[in-house]
Amino acid sequence: MTAYPGARPEQVPSGPRLDTRTRSAAWTLPHGRAVVLVDGRAGAIALTHVAPRPASGEPA
């Protein structure tokens, strides 16, 4: 998966990207935002700021 810790590329094309994988199931914060933990990042990232990647060997 690709995580966008700051902003999605549609909003900030030069923003940071993190090629990673999840390390938790997603959950909802008390105010309603769905988040997930990812490798290489402390704290949760909103599901709106992550994108799946094809599995190895699959076309992009």
N, C-alpha and C. Protein backbone atom coordinates (compact mmCIF):
# COMPACT_ATOMS: atom_id res chain seq x y z
N MET A 1 0.83 -1.16 0.00
CA MET A 1 0.00 0.00 0.00
C MET A 1 0.88 1.23 0.00
N THR A 2 0.32 2.30 -0.41
CA THR A 2 0.99 3.59 -0.34
C THR A 2 0.23 4.46 0.65
N ALA A 3 0.96 5.05 1.58
CA ALA A 3 0.36 5.95 2.56
C ALA A 3 0.84 7.36 2.27
N TYR A 4 -0.04 8.30 2.45
CA TYR A 4 0.25 9.72 2.25
C TYR A 4 0.09 10.42 3.60
N PRO A 5 1.18 10.48 4.41
CA PRO A 5 1.07 11.00 5.78
C PRO A 5 0.62 12.45 5.87
N GLY A 6 0.97 13.28 4.93
CA GLY A 6 0.59 14.69 5.01
C GLY A 6 -0.70 14.98 4.26
N ALA A 7 -0.64 14.83 2.96
CA ALA A 7 -1.81 15.09 2.10
C ALA A 7 -1.72 14.19 0.88
N ARG A 8 -2.85 13.91 0.30
CA ARG A 8 -2.87 13.09 -0.92
C ARG A 8 -2.22 13.85 -2.06
N PRO A 9 -1.68 13.14 -3.05
CA PRO A 9 -0.98 13.81 -4.16
C PRO A 9 -1.88 14.73 -4.98
N GLU A 10 -3.18 14.50 -4.96
CA GLU A 10 -4.08 15.40 -5.67
C GLU A 10 -4.06 16.80 -5.05
N GLN A 11 -3.77 16.86 -3.75
CA GLN A 11 -3.75 18.13 -3.03
C GLN A 11 -2.35 18.73 -2.98
N VAL A 12 -1.35 17.89 -2.75
CA VAL A 12 0.04 18.34 -2.65
C VAL A 12 0.91 17.35 -3.43
N PRO A 13 1.14 17.60 -4.73
CA PRO A 13 1.88 16.63 -5.55
C PRO A 13 3.27 16.27 -5.02
N SER A 14 3.92 17.18 -4.32
CA SER A 14 5.27 16.90 -3.82
C SER A 14 5.26 16.37 -2.38
N GLY A 15 4.08 16.06 -1.84
CA GLY A 15 3.98 15.58 -0.47
C GLY A 15 4.63 14.22 -0.28
N PRO A 16 4.92 13.85 0.95
CA PRO A 16 5.59 12.57 1.22
C PRO A 16 4.70 11.38 0.90
N ARG A 17 5.34 10.31 0.44
CA ARG A 17 4.67 9.03 0.18
C ARG A 17 5.45 7.96 0.91
N LEU A 18 4.76 6.98 1.41
CA LEU A 18 5.38 5.91 2.17
C LEU A 18 4.89 4.59 1.61
N ASP A 19 5.79 3.81 0.99
CA ASP A 19 5.45 2.46 0.54
C ASP A 19 5.54 1.56 1.75
N THR A 20 4.44 0.97 2.14
CA THR A 20 4.36 0.30 3.43
C THR A 20 3.31 -0.80 3.40
N ARG A 21 2.98 -1.29 4.58
CA ARG A 21 1.87 -2.23 4.74
C ARG A 21 1.23 -1.96 6.09
N THR A 22 0.01 -2.42 6.25
CA THR A 22 -0.70 -2.18 7.51
C THR A 22 -0.12 -3.06 8.61
N ARG A 23 -0.22 -2.57 9.83
CA ARG A 23 0.16 -3.37 10.98
C ARG A 23 -0.98 -3.44 12.00
N SER A 24 -2.17 -3.06 11.55
CA SER A 24 -3.36 -3.19 12.40
C SER A 24 -4.58 -3.25 11.51
N ALA A 25 -5.65 -3.70 12.10
CA ALA A 25 -6.94 -3.57 11.43
C ALA A 25 -7.37 -2.10 11.56
N ALA A 26 -8.20 -1.66 10.66
CA ALA A 26 -8.71 -0.29 10.74
C ALA A 26 -9.70 -0.18 11.90
N TRP A 27 -9.79 1.04 12.46
CA TRP A 27 -10.77 1.30 13.51
C TRP A 27 -11.23 2.74 13.36
N THR A 28 -12.31 3.06 14.04
CA THR A 28 -12.88 4.40 13.98
C THR A 28 -12.57 5.17 15.25
N LEU A 29 -12.04 6.36 15.10
CA LEU A 29 -11.78 7.23 16.24
C LEU A 29 -13.10 7.77 16.79
N PRO A 30 -13.11 8.25 18.02
CA PRO A 30 -14.37 8.74 18.61
C PRO A 30 -15.08 9.80 17.77
N HIS A 31 -14.35 10.63 17.04
CA HIS A 31 -15.01 11.66 16.24
C HIS A 31 -15.46 11.14 14.87
N GLY A 32 -15.19 9.85 14.58
CA GLY A 32 -15.73 9.23 13.37
C GLY A 32 -14.75 8.94 12.25
N ARG A 33 -13.51 9.38 12.35
CA ARG A 33 -12.53 9.13 11.28
C ARG A 33 -11.99 7.71 11.37
N ALA A 34 -11.99 7.00 10.24
CA ALA A 34 -11.44 5.65 10.16
C ALA A 34 -9.94 5.75 9.91
N VAL A 35 -9.16 5.00 10.70
CA VAL A 35 -7.70 5.06 10.62
C VAL A 35 -7.11 3.66 10.68
N VAL A 36 -5.80 3.59 10.37
CA VAL A 36 -5.07 2.33 10.41
C VAL A 36 -3.62 2.63 10.79
N LEU A 37 -2.94 1.67 11.40
CA LEU A 37 -1.51 1.80 11.67
C LEU A 37 -0.75 1.18 10.51
N VAL A 38 0.38 1.79 10.13
CA VAL A 38 1.20 1.27 9.04
C VAL A 38 2.65 1.17 9.50
N ASP A 39 3.41 0.25 8.89
CA ASP A 39 4.83 0.11 9.18
C ASP A 39 5.56 1.39 8.80
N GLY A 40 6.52 1.78 9.62
CA GLY A 40 7.35 2.93 9.32
C GLY A 40 6.77 4.27 9.73
N ARG A 41 5.67 4.24 10.43
CA ARG A 41 5.03 5.50 10.84
C ARG A 41 4.44 5.34 12.23
N ALA A 42 4.75 6.28 13.11
CA ALA A 42 4.14 6.27 14.43
C ALA A 42 2.77 6.93 14.33
N GLY A 43 1.82 6.41 15.02
CA GLY A 43 0.48 6.99 14.98
C GLY A 43 -0.31 6.47 13.79
N ALA A 44 -1.57 6.77 13.80
CA ALA A 44 -2.48 6.26 12.78
C ALA A 44 -2.54 7.19 11.57
N ILE A 45 -2.93 6.62 10.44
CA ILE A 45 -3.14 7.38 9.21
C ILE A 45 -4.58 7.14 8.77
N ALA A 46 -5.26 8.19 8.39
CA ALA A 46 -6.65 8.09 7.95
C ALA A 46 -6.75 7.21 6.71
N LEU A 47 -7.81 6.43 6.63
CA LEU A 47 -8.01 5.58 5.46
C LEU A 47 -8.12 6.40 4.18
N THR A 48 -8.51 7.65 4.29
CA THR A 48 -8.56 8.51 3.10
C THR A 48 -7.16 8.85 2.61
N HIS A 49 -6.12 8.54 3.41
CA HIS A 49 -4.74 8.84 3.05
C HIS A 49 -3.91 7.59 2.79
N VAL A 50 -4.57 6.48 2.44
CA VAL A 50 -3.87 5.27 2.04
C VAL A 50 -4.49 4.75 0.75
N ALA A 51 -3.68 4.05 -0.04
CA ALA A 51 -4.15 3.47 -1.29
C ALA A 51 -3.54 2.09 -1.46
N PRO A 52 -4.33 1.11 -1.88
CA PRO A 52 -3.79 -0.24 -2.09
C PRO A 52 -2.89 -0.29 -3.32
N ARG A 53 -2.00 -1.25 -3.32
CA ARG A 53 -1.17 -1.53 -4.50
C ARG A 53 -1.47 -2.94 -4.92
N PRO A 54 -1.31 -3.24 -6.22
CA PRO A 54 -1.52 -4.63 -6.67
C PRO A 54 -0.52 -5.57 -5.98
N ALA A 55 -0.92 -6.80 -5.76
CA ALA A 55 -0.01 -7.80 -5.22
C ALA A 55 1.12 -8.06 -6.21
N SER A 56 2.24 -8.57 -5.74
CA SER A 56 3.37 -8.86 -6.61
C SER A 56 2.92 -9.74 -7.77
N GLY A 57 3.38 -9.39 -8.96
CA GLY A 57 3.05 -10.17 -10.14
C GLY A 57 1.77 -9.76 -10.83
N GLU A 58 0.96 -8.92 -10.19
CA GLU A 58 -0.27 -8.46 -10.81
C GLU A 58 -0.02 -7.16 -11.54
N PRO A 59 -0.71 -6.93 -12.64
CA PRO A 59 -0.52 -5.64 -13.36
C PRO A 59 -1.00 -4.48 -12.52
N ALA A 60 -0.36 -3.34 -12.70
CA ALA A 60 -0.73 -2.14 -11.96
C ALA A 60 -1.98 -1.51 -12.52
